[in-house]
Amino acid sequence: MKKLIGHVRAAVEKYQMIEEGDRIAVGVSGGKDSLFLLCALAELSRYYPKRFTITAITADPCFGGKATDFSAVSSLCDSLSVPYIIRKTNLGSLIFEERKEQNPCSLCSRMRRGILHNLCVEKGLNKLALGHHYDDAVQTFLMNLFYGGKLGCFSPKSYLSRKNITLIRPLLFCEEREIRNASLRMELPIVKSNCPADGVTARRDTAELIQALELKFPDLKAKVLGALQRAGLDSW
């Protein structure tokens, strides 16, 4: 945990993600990444020189027309003394039943993000922390290249002028395997996704491709991330 908190702090300071008095929302899906981010920022808030507060927020897609059980996440937030807000939505039925999307992940992600943005504005939260990590950055770069024919990635920090909120990604220097191991040691209450497309995505295919390429190029991920930083793509 201490090593990963160091990685989080390094990313926060390199990209100036946190300022004095920030009111930070942590987007919590119930997965290991967002739950670890929640715990990491709660810990960091205890001693970071710039004072900030955090609030956990969730946009529940209600897949299958049923609300997801986030009671264990709520208990975690109570133990961290972090307020928790859940917003129920109809994303599940809209995407899979009404629109019958063939490639639902991108649309679902954008719509869920929009709900979180609006929730931040509604609750007076000026920043939204998302759980994208080291591996997500590498995968996104390669997905943009292979599927979109362009060079790019999400930004470590980006300002949304229409909502007057800033998106930050404090886990950028944390590898997924480190987060997975930490979440097991911490016994985080991971909520299984009920999404019909869970595990069958272009991102999963890209992750498997990277894993295969690493047999020949063991430092592939480090080289991709380094190239992003040296090129300054998307504020890296």
Foldseek 3Di string as FASTA:
>chain_A
DVVQLVLLVVLCVVQVVDAAAAEEEQEDALALLSLVVVVSVLVCQVDPPRHYAYAYEYEACCAVVHGFDCVLVVVVCVVSVHHYYYHYDVNNCVQCPVVNDPARPVVSVVVRVVVVLVVCLVVVGAEYEYRDELLNFLLQQVCCCPVVVDGAGAAQKDADVVSNHMYHYSRHHPDPVNSVVVCVVVVRRRGDDPRPCPPPHPSNVSVVVVVVVCVVVVCVSVVSVVVCVVVCGNND
